């Protein structure tokens, strides 16, 4: 492989046009984070998010469950086993402002500050929190509900949005006649693809991007290699669609291997992109041998796709080494 191979030539055509000069990207690593965050799900004794995939991403179409609609959340599934029973945790500090519904399963909504809410759907009906309770990052909110209805496997429905109740979404005048519309805090969970609005126009945000934009620096010193990455990671000089990005080398790695976490690069959480191709998340890492480079952390996968043939699944190559509590 040529040492001058660039990200432009390596990325497939499906990833779209190159964005000049990193337009829309943001990198963080200047100072310690004042607002720590973490992923919303974990198995006991493992890092939050380790062993999970986002089977249906934000603004993706879920053809086998809700064809013709954009997903307003991320569905987190474990790899290779039943997801029911997995612990669900607050992604950041805040106040529980809603506990209830039958989604099926309970819904918990946390208000982090004015204009930032996280929602956790399909939880076991007995939850350890109540409305008005203050929570910290990593506090347990419940466990994933075991689905036995045959409609969909057990999973966590995770949203980030800027509203609790919005009149035209889940308030007094909900559009499109969706389930859980009228004065229903959880809201519909989906939005019609043929509607004039993109979900971000209504206040939903790309959850993965949102979490990485909250913090001003990495919230852990290390990341671990995810289970399904395989045996290799590509290191690049720059992240993503950067014109200057060049392949440095291919690292031979093993699941669970630790790398130093130096910087993060992502894009705005309110872009009007659709499908898993909209996800842009890169980590700058360092090996024990001192090798440094950028790794594509959020990877679109064709294991799930929309009716237009574009991917709906996102696989996470690297997981921040953050545990609950």
C-alpha atoms as a PDB file:
ATOM      1  CA  UNK A   1       0.000   0.000   0.000  1.00  0.00           C
ATOM      2  CA  UNK A   2       1.393   3.382  -0.962  1.00  0.00           C
ATOM      3  CA  UNK A   3       2.647   5.570   1.870  1.00  0.00           C
ATOM      4  CA  UNK A   4       0.756   8.427   0.184  1.00  0.00           C
ATOM      5  CA  UNK A   5      -2.597   6.660   0.250  1.00  0.00           C
ATOM      6  CA  UNK A   6      -5.081   9.233   1.500  1.00  0.00           C
ATOM      7  CA  UNK A   7      -8.417   8.955   3.255  1.00  0.00           C
ATOM      8  CA  UNK A   8     -10.037  10.328   0.082  1.00  0.00           C
ATOM      9  CA  UNK A   9      -8.890   7.345  -1.926  1.00  0.00           C
ATOM     10  CA  UNK A  10      -9.506   4.808   0.836  1.00  0.00           C
ATOM     11  CA  UNK A  11     -13.087   5.668   1.754  1.00  0.00           C
ATOM     12  CA  UNK A  12     -15.695   4.011  -0.453  1.00  0.00           C
ATOM     13  CA  UNK A  13     -18.019   6.044  -2.637  1.00  0.00           C
ATOM     14  CA  UNK A  14     -20.899   5.320  -0.284  1.00  0.00           C
ATOM     15  CA  UNK A  15     -19.316   7.573   2.310  1.00  0.00           C
ATOM     16  CA  UNK A  16     -20.110  10.593   0.160  1.00  0.00           C
ATOM     17  CA  UNK A  17     -18.055  13.568  -0.929  1.00  0.00           C
ATOM     18  CA  UNK A  18     -15.038  14.798   0.965  1.00  0.00           C
ATOM     19  CA  UNK A  19     -15.761  17.839   3.145  1.00  0.00           C
ATOM     20  CA  UNK A  20     -13.094  20.420   2.517  1.00  0.00           C
ATOM     21  CA  UNK A  21     -10.877  21.540   5.380  1.00  0.00           C
ATOM     22  CA  UNK A  22     -12.716  19.416   7.928  1.00  0.00           C
ATOM     23  CA  UNK A  23     -15.858  21.557   7.726  1.00  0.00           C
ATOM     24  CA  UNK A  24     -18.230  20.573  10.515  1.00  0.00           C
ATOM     25  CA  UNK A  25     -15.642  18.652  12.539  1.00  0.00           C
ATOM     26  CA  UNK A  26     -14.610  19.507  16.087  1.00  0.00           C
ATOM     27  CA  UNK A  27     -11.621  18.171  18.010  1.00  0.00           C
ATOM     28  CA  UNK A  28     -11.237  18.279  21.773  1.00  0.00           C
ATOM     29  CA  UNK A  29      -8.181  17.857  23.946  1.00  0.00           C
ATOM     30  CA  UNK A  30      -7.185  21.260  25.276  1.00  0.00           C
ATOM     31  CA  UNK A  31      -7.988  20.848  28.975  1.00  0.00           C
ATOM     32  CA  UNK A  32      -9.669  18.531  31.459  1.00  0.00           C
ATOM     33  CA  UNK A  33     -13.387  17.962  30.936  1.00  0.00           C
ATOM     34  CA  UNK A  34     -15.786  19.676  33.320  1.00  0.00           C
ATOM     35  CA  UNK A  35     -18.759  17.605  32.181  1.00  0.00           C
ATOM     36  CA  UNK A  36     -17.766  13.929  32.160  1.00  0.00           C
ATOM     37  CA  UNK A  37     -19.908  11.556  30.105  1.00  0.00           C
ATOM     38  CA  UNK A  38     -20.047   7.829  29.432  1.00  0.00           C
ATOM     39  CA  UNK A  39     -22.020   5.286  27.422  1.00  0.00           C
ATOM     40  CA  UNK A  40     -25.497   4.226  28.620  1.00  0.00           C
ATOM     41  CA  UNK A  41     -25.169   0.450  28.905  1.00  0.00           C
ATOM     42  CA  UNK A  42     -22.842  -2.198  30.321  1.00  0.00           C
ATOM     43  CA  UNK A  43     -22.439  -5.728  31.627  1.00  0.00           C
ATOM     44  CA  UNK A  44     -21.100  -6.194  35.167  1.00  0.00           C
ATOM     45  CA  UNK A  45     -17.362  -5.697  35.453  1.00  0.00           C
ATOM     46  CA  UNK A  46     -16.967  -4.346  31.930  1.00  0.00           C
ATOM     47  CA  UNK A  47     -16.479  -0.876  30.520  1.00  0.00           C
ATOM     48  CA  UNK A  48     -19.636   0.992  29.560  1.00  0.00           C
ATOM     49  CA  UNK A  49     -20.469   0.170  25.944  1.00  0.00           C
ATOM     50  CA  UNK A  50     -18.046  -2.761  25.702  1.00  0.00           C
ATOM     51  CA  UNK A  51     -19.561  -5.657  23.754  1.00  0.00           C
ATOM     52  CA  UNK A  52     -22.428  -3.640  22.254  1.00  0.00           C
ATOM     53  CA  UNK A  53     -23.311  -2.312  18.820  1.00  0.00           C
ATOM     54  CA  UNK A  54     -25.732   0.367  17.689  1.00  0.00           C
ATOM     55  CA  UNK A  55     -27.944  -1.843  15.579  1.00  0.00           C
ATOM     56  CA  UNK A  56     -30.146   0.989  14.312  1.00  0.00           C
ATOM     57  CA  UNK A  57     -28.535   4.404  14.463  1.00  0.00           C
ATOM     58  CA  UNK A  58     -29.903   7.924  14.618  1.00  0.00           C
ATOM     59  CA  UNK A  59     -31.728   9.090  11.465  1.00  0.00           C
ATOM     60  CA  UNK A  60     -31.480   5.569  10.053  1.00  0.00           C
ATOM     61  CA  UNK A  61     -34.323   3.489   8.661  1.00  0.00           C
ATOM     62  CA  UNK A  62     -35.209   0.264  10.447  1.00  0.00           C
ATOM     63  CA  UNK A  63     -36.774  -1.703   7.589  1.00  0.00           C
ATOM     64  CA  UNK A  64     -37.604  -4.829   9.592  1.00  0.00           C
ATOM     65  CA  UNK A  65     -39.417  -2.941  12.365  1.00  0.00           C
ATOM     66  CA  UNK A  66     -40.515   0.515  11.171  1.00  0.00           C
ATOM     67  CA  UNK A  67     -39.936   0.889   7.393  1.00  0.00           C
ATOM     68  CA  UNK A  68     -40.425   4.352   5.983  1.00  0.00           C
ATOM     69  CA  UNK A  69     -39.487   6.082   9.254  1.00  0.00           C
ATOM     70  CA  UNK A  70     -36.284   7.622  10.584  1.00  0.00           C
ATOM     71  CA  UNK A  71     -35.111   6.386  13.957  1.00  0.00           C
ATOM     72  CA  UNK A  72     -34.820   9.257  16.480  1.00  0.00           C
ATOM     73  CA  UNK A  73     -32.532   7.259  18.780  1.00  0.00           C
ATOM     74  CA  UNK A  74     -29.852   4.605  18.901  1.00  0.00           C
ATOM     75  CA  UNK A  75     -30.755   0.983  19.631  1.00  0.00           C
ATOM     76  CA  UNK A  76     -27.962  -0.599  21.676  1.00  0.00           C
ATOM     77  CA  UNK A  77     -27.665  -4.394  21.410  1.00  0.00           C
ATOM     78  CA  UNK A  78     -25.076  -6.703  22.856  1.00  0.00           C
ATOM     79  CA  UNK A  79     -23.036  -8.812  20.485  1.00  0.00           C
ATOM     80  CA  UNK A  80     -23.688 -12.549  20.496  1.00  0.00           C
ATOM     81  CA  UNK A  81     -26.055 -12.791  23.460  1.00  0.00           C
ATOM     82  CA  UNK A  82     -29.413 -11.649  24.860  1.00  0.00           C
ATOM     83  CA  UNK A  83     -29.370  -7.940  25.751  1.00  0.00           C
ATOM     84  CA  UNK A  84     -32.129  -8.223  28.354  1.00  0.00           C
ATOM     85  CA  UNK A  85     -30.746  -7.671  31.832  1.00  0.00           C
ATOM     86  CA  UNK A  86     -27.862  -5.435  30.761  1.00  0.00           C
ATOM     87  CA  UNK A  87     -27.382  -2.508  33.121  1.00  0.00           C
ATOM     88  CA  UNK A  88     -28.472   0.968  31.982  1.00  0.00           C
ATOM     89  CA  UNK A  89     -26.659   4.019  33.331  1.00  0.00           C
ATOM     90  CA  UNK A  90     -26.927   7.811  33.216  1.00  0.00           C
ATOM     91  CA  UNK A  91     -24.613   9.228  30.565  1.00  0.00           C
ATOM     92  CA  UNK A  92     -24.050  12.366  32.634  1.00  0.00           C
ATOM     93  CA  UNK A  93     -25.101  14.194  35.789  1.00  0.00           C
ATOM     94  CA  UNK A  94     -28.625  15.561  35.966  1.00  0.00           C
ATOM     95  CA  UNK A  95     -32.133  15.208  37.379  1.00  0.00           C
ATOM     96  CA  UNK A  96     -34.610  12.436  36.619  1.00  0.00           C
ATOM     97  CA  UNK A  97     -37.636  14.230  35.162  1.00  0.00           C
ATOM     98  CA  UNK A  98     -39.690  11.260  33.945  1.00  0.00           C
ATOM     99  CA  UNK A  99     -40.202   7.641  34.994  1.00  0.00           C
ATOM    100  CA  UNK A 100     -43.084   5.722  33.498  1.00  0.00           C
ATOM    101  CA  UNK A 101     -44.769   4.602  30.272  1.00  0.00           C
ATOM    102  CA  UNK A 102     -45.017   1.137  28.758  1.00  0.00           C
ATOM    103  CA  UNK A 103     -42.727   1.345  25.768  1.00  0.00           C
ATOM    104  CA  UNK A 104     -42.889  -1.715  26.353  1.00  0.00           C
ATOM    105  CA  UNK A 105     -40.827  -1.516  29.524  1.00  0.00           C
ATOM    106  CA  UNK A 106     -40.189   1.622  31.540  1.00  0.00           C
ATOM    107  CA  UNK A 107     -38.765   4.873  30.221  1.00  0.00           C
ATOM    108  CA  UNK A 108     -36.428   7.111  32.230  1.00  0.00           C
ATOM    109  CA  UNK A 109     -35.605  10.648  31.103  1.00  0.00           C
ATOM    110  CA  UNK A 110     -32.783  12.700  32.642  1.00  0.00           C
ATOM    111  CA  UNK A 111     -32.449  16.469  32.308  1.00  0.00           C
ATOM    112  CA  UNK A 112     -28.773  17.429  32.245  1.00  0.00           C
ATOM    113  CA  UNK A 113     -29.292  21.138  31.824  1.00  0.00           C
ATOM    114  CA  UNK A 114     -31.704  23.441  30.012  1.00  0.00           C
ATOM    115  CA  UNK A 115     -31.956  22.098  26.506  1.00  0.00           C
ATOM    116  CA  UNK A 116     -30.261  18.733  27.020  1.00  0.00           C
ATOM    117  CA  UNK A 117     -32.171  15.548  27.892  1.00  0.00           C
ATOM    118  CA  UNK A 118     -31.245  11.876  27.626  1.00  0.00           C
ATOM    119  CA  UNK A 119     -33.900   9.167  27.361  1.00  0.00           C
ATOM    120  CA  UNK A 120     -33.595   5.453  28.134  1.00  0.00           C
ATOM    121  CA  UNK A 121     -36.365   3.221  26.798  1.00  0.00           C
ATOM    122  CA  UNK A 122     -37.314  -0.467  27.193  1.00  0.00           C
ATOM    123  CA  UNK A 123     -36.158  -0.843  30.813  1.00  0.00           C
ATOM    124  CA  UNK A 124     -37.349  -3.398  33.325  1.00  0.00           C
ATOM    125  CA  UNK A 125     -40.526  -2.141  35.029  1.00  0.00           C
ATOM    126  CA  UNK A 126     -38.874  -1.881  38.434  1.00  0.00           C
ATOM    127  CA  UNK A 127     -36.339   0.959  38.260  1.00  0.00           C
ATOM    128  CA  UNK A 128     -34.108   2.235  41.091  1.00  0.00           C
ATOM    129  CA  UNK A 129     -34.742   5.950  40.453  1.00  0.00           C
ATOM    130  CA  UNK A 130     -37.685   8.325  40.889  1.00  0.00           C
ATOM    131  CA  UNK A 131     -38.691  11.642  39.401  1.00  0.00           C
ATOM    132  CA  UNK A 132     -36.881  14.552  41.028  1.00  0.00           C
ATOM    133  CA  UNK A 133     -33.866  12.430  41.967  1.00  0.00           C
ATOM    134  CA  UNK A 134     -30.386  13.765  41.182  1.00  0.00           C
ATOM    135  CA  UNK A 135     -28.062  11.350  39.413  1.00  0.00           C
ATOM    136  CA  UNK A 136     -24.387  11.351  38.569  1.00  0.00           C
ATOM    137  CA  UNK A 137     -22.626  10.048  35.514  1.00  0.00           C
ATOM    138  CA  UNK A 138     -22.657   6.258  35.672  1.00  0.00           C
ATOM    139  CA  UNK A 139     -25.510   5.946  38.186  1.00  0.00           C
ATOM    140  CA  UNK A 140     -27.701   2.926  37.489  1.00  0.00           C
ATOM    141  CA  UNK A 141     -31.119   3.736  36.012  1.00  0.00           C
ATOM    142  CA  UNK A 142     -32.314   0.172  35.556  1.00  0.00           C
ATOM    143  CA  UNK A 143     -31.789  -2.835  33.299  1.00  0.00           C
ATOM    144  CA  UNK A 144     -32.838  -3.664  29.755  1.00  0.00           C
ATOM    145  CA  UNK A 145     -36.307  -5.245  29.593  1.00  0.00           C
ATOM    146  CA  UNK A 146     -36.489  -8.832  28.337  1.00  0.00           C
ATOM    147  CA  UNK A 147     -38.627  -8.691  25.185  1.00  0.00           C
ATOM    148  CA  UNK A 148     -40.816 -11.737  24.628  1.00  0.00           C
ATOM    149  CA  UNK A 149     -43.322 -10.214  22.183  1.00  0.00           C
ATOM    150  CA  UNK A 150     -41.492 -11.474  19.105  1.00  0.00           C
ATOM    151  CA  UNK A 151     -41.545  -7.997  17.536  1.00  0.00           C
ATOM    152  CA  UNK A 152     -37.937  -7.107  18.214  1.00  0.00           C
ATOM    153  CA  UNK A 153     -35.089  -8.485  20.342  1.00  0.00           C
ATOM    154  CA  UNK A 154     -34.345  -6.901  23.713  1.00  0.00           C
ATOM    155  CA  UNK A 155     -32.406  -3.631  23.434  1.00  0.00           C
ATOM    156  CA  UNK A 156     -31.902  -0.160  24.876  1.00  0.00           C
ATOM    157  CA  UNK A 157     -33.575   2.711  23.026  1.00  0.00           C
ATOM    158  CA  UNK A 158     -31.322   5.717  23.783  1.00  0.00           C
ATOM    159  CA  UNK A 159     -32.181   9.293  22.774  1.00  0.00           C
ATOM    160  CA  UNK A 160     -30.578  12.701  23.211  1.00  0.00           C
ATOM    161  CA  UNK A 161     -32.812  15.722  22.563  1.00  0.00           C
ATOM    162  CA  UNK A 162     -33.410  19.340  23.561  1.00  0.00           C
ATOM    163  CA  UNK A 163     -36.995  18.950  24.841  1.00  0.00           C
ATOM    164  CA  UNK A 164     -39.056  17.016  27.355  1.00  0.00           C
ATOM    165  CA  UNK A 165     -42.438  17.952  25.879  1.00  0.00           C
ATOM    166  CA  UNK A 166     -42.745  19.620  22.504  1.00  0.00           C
ATOM    167  CA  UNK A 167     -46.212  20.574  21.302  1.00  0.00           C
ATOM    168  CA  UNK A 168     -45.958  19.160  17.775  1.00  0.00           C
ATOM    169  CA  UNK A 169     -44.029  16.010  18.737  1.00  0.00           C
ATOM    170  CA  UNK A 170     -45.340  14.644  22.054  1.00  0.00           C
ATOM    171  CA  UNK A 171     -47.425  17.477  23.473  1.00  0.00           C
ATOM    172  CA  UNK A 172     -50.887  18.844  22.716  1.00  0.00           C
ATOM    173  CA  UNK A 173     -50.665  18.654  18.921  1.00  0.00           C
ATOM    174  CA  UNK A 174     -48.487  15.711  17.919  1.00  0.00           C
ATOM    175  CA  UNK A 175     -48.010  15.128  14.214  1.00  0.00           C
ATOM    176  CA  UNK A 176     -48.481  11.968  12.183  1.00  0.00           C
ATOM    177  CA  UNK A 177     -50.613  10.108  14.727  1.00  0.00           C
ATOM    178  CA  UNK A 178     -47.710   8.168  16.138  1.00  0.00           C
ATOM    179  CA  UNK A 179     -47.932   6.018  19.251  1.00  0.00           C
ATOM    180  CA  UNK A 180     -47.015   7.833  22.474  1.00  0.00           C
ATOM    181  CA  UNK A 181     -47.783  11.217  21.001  1.00  0.00           C
ATOM    182  CA  UNK A 182     -50.342  13.255  22.972  1.00  0.00           C
ATOM    183  CA  UNK A 183     -48.738  14.623  26.157  1.00  0.00           C
ATOM    184  CA  UNK A 184     -46.468  11.575  26.286  1.00  0.00           C
ATOM    185  CA  UNK A 185     -42.950  12.435  27.419  1.00  0.00           C
ATOM    186  CA  UNK A 186     -41.163   9.457  25.781  1.00  0.00           C
ATOM    187  CA  UNK A 187     -42.474  10.493  22.364  1.00  0.00           C
ATOM    188  CA  UNK A 188     -42.726   8.453  19.170  1.00  0.00           C
ATOM    189  CA  UNK A 189     -39.146   7.196  18.760  1.00  0.00           C
ATOM    190  CA  UNK A 190     -39.470   7.492  14.966  1.00  0.00           C
ATOM    191  CA  UNK A 191     -40.255  10.203  12.422  1.00  0.00           C
ATOM    192  CA  UNK A 192     -41.624   9.708   8.878  1.00  0.00           C
ATOM    193  CA  UNK A 193     -38.993   9.803   6.164  1.00  0.00           C
ATOM    194  CA  UNK A 194     -41.418  11.689   3.903  1.00  0.00           C
ATOM    195  CA  UNK A 195     -42.119  14.380   6.527  1.00  0.00           C
ATOM    196  CA  UNK A 196     -40.827  17.871   5.690  1.00  0.00           C
ATOM    197  CA  UNK A 197     -38.744  17.907   8.857  1.00  0.00           C
ATOM    198  CA  UNK A 198     -35.610  15.970   9.681  1.00  0.00           C
ATOM    199  CA  UNK A 199     -35.584  14.707  13.309  1.00  0.00           C
ATOM    200  CA  UNK A 200     -32.987  17.355  14.227  1.00  0.00           C
ATOM    201  CA  UNK A 201     -35.498  20.048  13.218  1.00  0.00           C
ATOM    202  CA  UNK A 202     -37.770  18.782  15.995  1.00  0.00           C
ATOM    203  CA  UNK A 203     -35.022  18.738  18.629  1.00  0.00           C
ATOM    204  CA  UNK A 204     -33.554  15.236  18.492  1.00  0.00           C
ATOM    205  CA  UNK A 205     -29.788  14.954  18.267  1.00  0.00           C
ATOM    206  CA  UNK A 206     -27.305  12.309  17.171  1.00  0.00           C
ATOM    207  CA  UNK A 207     -26.592  10.649  20.553  1.00  0.00           C
ATOM    208  CA  UNK A 208     -23.051   9.437  19.875  1.00  0.00           C
ATOM    209  CA  UNK A 209     -21.996  12.803  18.511  1.00  0.00           C
ATOM    210  CA  UNK A 210     -23.744  14.600  21.374  1.00  0.00           C
ATOM    211  CA  UNK A 211     -21.832  12.694  24.042  1.00  0.00           C
ATOM    212  CA  UNK A 212     -18.504  13.483  22.445  1.00  0.00           C
ATOM    213  CA  UNK A 213     -19.387  17.150  22.041  1.00  0.00           C
ATOM    214  CA  UNK A 214     -20.365  17.569  25.716  1.00  0.00           C
ATOM    215  CA  UNK A 215     -16.855  17.034  27.015  1.00  0.00           C
ATOM    216  CA  UNK A 216     -13.940  19.280  26.141  1.00  0.00           C
ATOM    217  CA  UNK A 217     -11.436  16.444  26.438  1.00  0.00           C
ATOM    218  CA  UNK A 218     -11.262  12.656  26.685  1.00  0.00           C
ATOM    219  CA  UNK A 219     -12.976  11.453  29.844  1.00  0.00           C
ATOM    220  CA  UNK A 220     -10.629   8.503  30.293  1.00  0.00           C
ATOM    221  CA  UNK A 221      -6.921   7.952  29.751  1.00  0.00           C
ATOM    222  CA  UNK A 222      -7.367   4.752  27.782  1.00  0.00           C
ATOM    223  CA  UNK A 223      -9.649   3.053  25.294  1.00  0.00           C
ATOM    224  CA  UNK A 224     -10.012  -0.671  24.718  1.00  0.00           C
ATOM    225  CA  UNK A 225     -10.296  -2.542  21.441  1.00  0.00           C
ATOM    226  CA  UNK A 226     -13.855  -3.795  20.912  1.00  0.00           C
ATOM    227  CA  UNK A 227     -14.697  -7.474  20.524  1.00  0.00           C
ATOM    228  CA  UNK A 228     -15.646  -7.475  16.842  1.00  0.00           C
ATOM    229  CA  UNK A 229     -12.836  -5.325  15.430  1.00  0.00           C
ATOM    230  CA  UNK A 230     -10.804  -8.271  14.236  1.00  0.00           C
ATOM    231  CA  UNK A 231      -7.031  -8.276  14.309  1.00  0.00           C
ATOM    232  CA  UNK A 232      -6.176  -4.912  12.775  1.00  0.00           C
ATOM    233  CA  UNK A 233      -6.692  -1.174  13.240  1.00  0.00           C
ATOM    234  CA  UNK A 234      -5.659   1.459  10.722  1.00  0.00           C
ATOM    235  CA  UNK A 235      -3.779   4.507  12.044  1.00  0.00           C
ATOM    236  CA  UNK A 236      -4.162   7.747  10.058  1.00  0.00           C
ATOM    237  CA  UNK A 237      -2.361  11.082  10.273  1.00  0.00           C
ATOM    238  CA  UNK A 238      -5.666  12.979  10.499  1.00  0.00           C
ATOM    239  CA  UNK A 239      -9.280  11.983  11.133  1.00  0.00           C
ATOM    240  CA  UNK A 240     -12.001  11.162   8.710  1.00  0.00           C
ATOM    241  CA  UNK A 241     -12.604  13.172   5.571  1.00  0.00           C
ATOM    242  CA  UNK A 242      -9.645  15.476   6.062  1.00  0.00           C
ATOM    243  CA  UNK A 243      -7.911  16.222   2.768  1.00  0.00           C
ATOM    244  CA  UNK A 244      -4.488  15.652   4.348  1.00  0.00           C
ATOM    245  CA  UNK A 245      -5.281  12.319   5.975  1.00  0.00           C
ATOM    246  CA  UNK A 246      -2.773   9.606   5.123  1.00  0.00           C
ATOM    247  CA  UNK A 247      -2.535   6.029   6.256  1.00  0.00           C
ATOM    248  CA  UNK A 248       0.337   5.656   8.728  1.00  0.00           C
ATOM    249  CA  UNK A 249       0.226   1.938   9.413  1.00  0.00           C
ATOM    250  CA  UNK A 250      -1.988  -1.013  10.248  1.00  0.00           C
ATOM    251  CA  UNK A 251      -1.785  -2.138  13.876  1.00  0.00           C
ATOM    252  CA  UNK A 252      -2.193  -5.765  14.857  1.00  0.00           C
ATOM    253  CA  UNK A 253      -4.478  -5.752  17.899  1.00  0.00           C
ATOM    254  CA  UNK A 254      -6.526  -8.062  20.081  1.00  0.00           C
ATOM    255  CA  UNK A 255      -9.959  -7.458  21.680  1.00  0.00           C
ATOM    256  CA  UNK A 256      -9.551  -5.832  25.070  1.00  0.00           C
ATOM    257  CA  UNK A 257      -6.143  -4.361  24.264  1.00  0.00           C
ATOM    258  CA  UNK A 258      -5.604  -0.900  25.774  1.00  0.00           C
ATOM    259  CA  UNK A 259      -4.507   2.208  23.885  1.00  0.00           C
ATOM    260  CA  UNK A 260      -3.862   5.712  25.172  1.00  0.00           C
ATOM    261  CA  UNK A 261      -6.670   8.162  24.338  1.00  0.00           C
ATOM    262  CA  UNK A 262      -5.302  11.534  23.253  1.00  0.00           C
ATOM    263  CA  UNK A 263      -7.971  13.398  21.283  1.00  0.00           C
ATOM    264  CA  UNK A 264     -11.458  13.066  19.816  1.00  0.00           C
ATOM    265  CA  UNK A 265     -12.853  14.330  16.518  1.00  0.00           C
ATOM    266  CA  UNK A 266     -16.539  14.293  15.648  1.00  0.00           C
ATOM    267  CA  UNK A 267     -19.176  16.368  13.859  1.00  0.00           C
ATOM    268  CA  UNK A 268     -22.158  18.440  14.916  1.00  0.00           C
ATOM    269  CA  UNK A 269     -25.043  16.507  16.451  1.00  0.00           C
ATOM    270  CA  UNK A 270     -27.736  18.402  14.529  1.00  0.00           C
ATOM    271  CA  UNK A 271     -26.718  17.765  10.926  1.00  0.00           C
ATOM    272  CA  UNK A 272     -29.400  16.744   8.424  1.00  0.00           C
ATOM    273  CA  UNK A 273     -27.561  13.608   7.309  1.00  0.00           C
ATOM    274  CA  UNK A 274     -29.249  10.209   7.251  1.00  0.00           C
ATOM    275  CA  UNK A 275     -28.145   6.562   7.513  1.00  0.00           C
ATOM    276  CA  UNK A 276     -25.173   5.264   9.486  1.00  0.00           C
ATOM    277  CA  UNK A 277     -22.902   7.019   7.006  1.00  0.00           C
ATOM    278  CA  UNK A 278     -23.682  10.224   8.917  1.00  0.00           C
ATOM    279  CA  UNK A 279     -21.625   9.019  11.884  1.00  0.00           C
ATOM    280  CA  UNK A 280     -18.175  10.580  12.101  1.00  0.00           C
ATOM    281  CA  UNK A 281     -16.173   9.702  15.195  1.00  0.00           C
ATOM    282  CA  UNK A 282     -12.403   9.296  15.370  1.00  0.00           C
ATOM    283  CA  UNK A 283     -10.013   8.879  18.309  1.00  0.00           C
ATOM    284  CA  UNK A 284      -6.357   9.804  18.307  1.00  0.00           C
ATOM    285  CA  UNK A 285      -4.563   7.025  20.186  1.00  0.00           C
ATOM    286  CA  UNK A 286      -1.100   5.982  21.282  1.00  0.00           C
ATOM    287  CA  UNK A 287       0.256   2.452  21.624  1.00  0.00           C
ATOM    288  CA  UNK A 288       2.617   1.251  24.346  1.00  0.00           C
ATOM    289  CA  UNK A 289       5.373   1.490  21.735  1.00  0.00           C
ATOM    290  CA  UNK A 290       4.676   5.190  21.213  1.00  0.00           C
ATOM    291  CA  UNK A 291       2.942   4.858  17.845  1.00  0.00           C
ATOM    292  CA  UNK A 292       0.295   7.548  17.360  1.00  0.00           C
ATOM    293  CA  UNK A 293      -2.529   8.083  14.914  1.00  0.00           C
ATOM    294  CA  UNK A 294      -6.271   8.524  14.353  1.00  0.00           C
ATOM    295  CA  UNK A 295      -8.601   5.510  14.320  1.00  0.00           C
ATOM    296  CA  UNK A 296     -12.113   5.447  12.865  1.00  0.00           C
ATOM    297  CA  UNK A 297     -14.098   4.625  15.997  1.00  0.00           C
ATOM    298  CA  UNK A 298     -17.703   4.657  14.696  1.00  0.00           C
ATOM    299  CA  UNK A 299     -17.978   2.400  11.658  1.00  0.00           C
ATOM    300  CA  UNK A 300     -21.063   2.071   9.445  1.00  0.00           C
ATOM    301  CA  UNK A 301     -22.007  -1.559   8.875  1.00  0.00           C
ATOM    302  CA  UNK A 302     -24.165  -3.142   6.192  1.00  0.00           C
ATOM    303  CA  UNK A 303     -25.277  -5.873   8.606  1.00  0.00           C
ATOM    304  CA  UNK A 304     -28.407  -3.702   8.884  1.00  0.00           C
ATOM    305  CA  UNK A 305     -29.561  -1.428   6.070  1.00  0.00           C
ATOM    306  CA  UNK A 306     -32.418   0.795   4.983  1.00  0.00           C
ATOM    307  CA  UNK A 307     -34.658   0.415   1.943  1.00  0.00           C
ATOM    308  CA  UNK A 308     -32.239   2.602  -0.022  1.00  0.00           C
ATOM    309  CA  UNK A 309     -29.441   0.108   0.563  1.00  0.00           C
ATOM    310  CA  UNK A 310     -27.468   2.330   2.931  1.00  0.00           C
ATOM    311  CA  UNK A 311     -26.226   1.054   6.311  1.00  0.00           C
ATOM    312  CA  UNK A 312     -28.238   1.451   9.513  1.00  0.00           C
ATOM    313  CA  UNK A 313     -25.795  -0.197  11.949  1.00  0.00           C
ATOM    314  CA  UNK A 314     -22.832   1.438  13.695  1.00  0.00           C
ATOM    315  CA  UNK A 315     -20.011  -0.634  15.155  1.00  0.00           C
ATOM    316  CA  UNK A 316     -17.665   0.870  17.750  1.00  0.00           C
ATOM    317  CA  UNK A 317     -14.033  -0.096  17.215  1.00  0.00           C
ATOM    318  CA  UNK A 318     -12.738   1.493  20.423  1.00  0.00           C
ATOM    319  CA  UNK A 319     -14.480   1.868  23.785  1.00  0.00           C
ATOM    320  CA  UNK A 320     -13.496   4.426  26.476  1.00  0.00           C
ATOM    321  CA  UNK A 321     -12.296   2.553  29.545  1.00  0.00           C
ATOM    322  CA  UNK A 322     -14.981   3.975  31.863  1.00  0.00           C
ATOM    323  CA  UNK A 323     -16.957   1.874  34.305  1.00  0.00           C
ATOM    324  CA  UNK A 324     -20.275   2.634  35.987  1.00  0.00           C
ATOM    325  CA  UNK A 325     -20.511   4.643  39.203  1.00  0.00           C
END
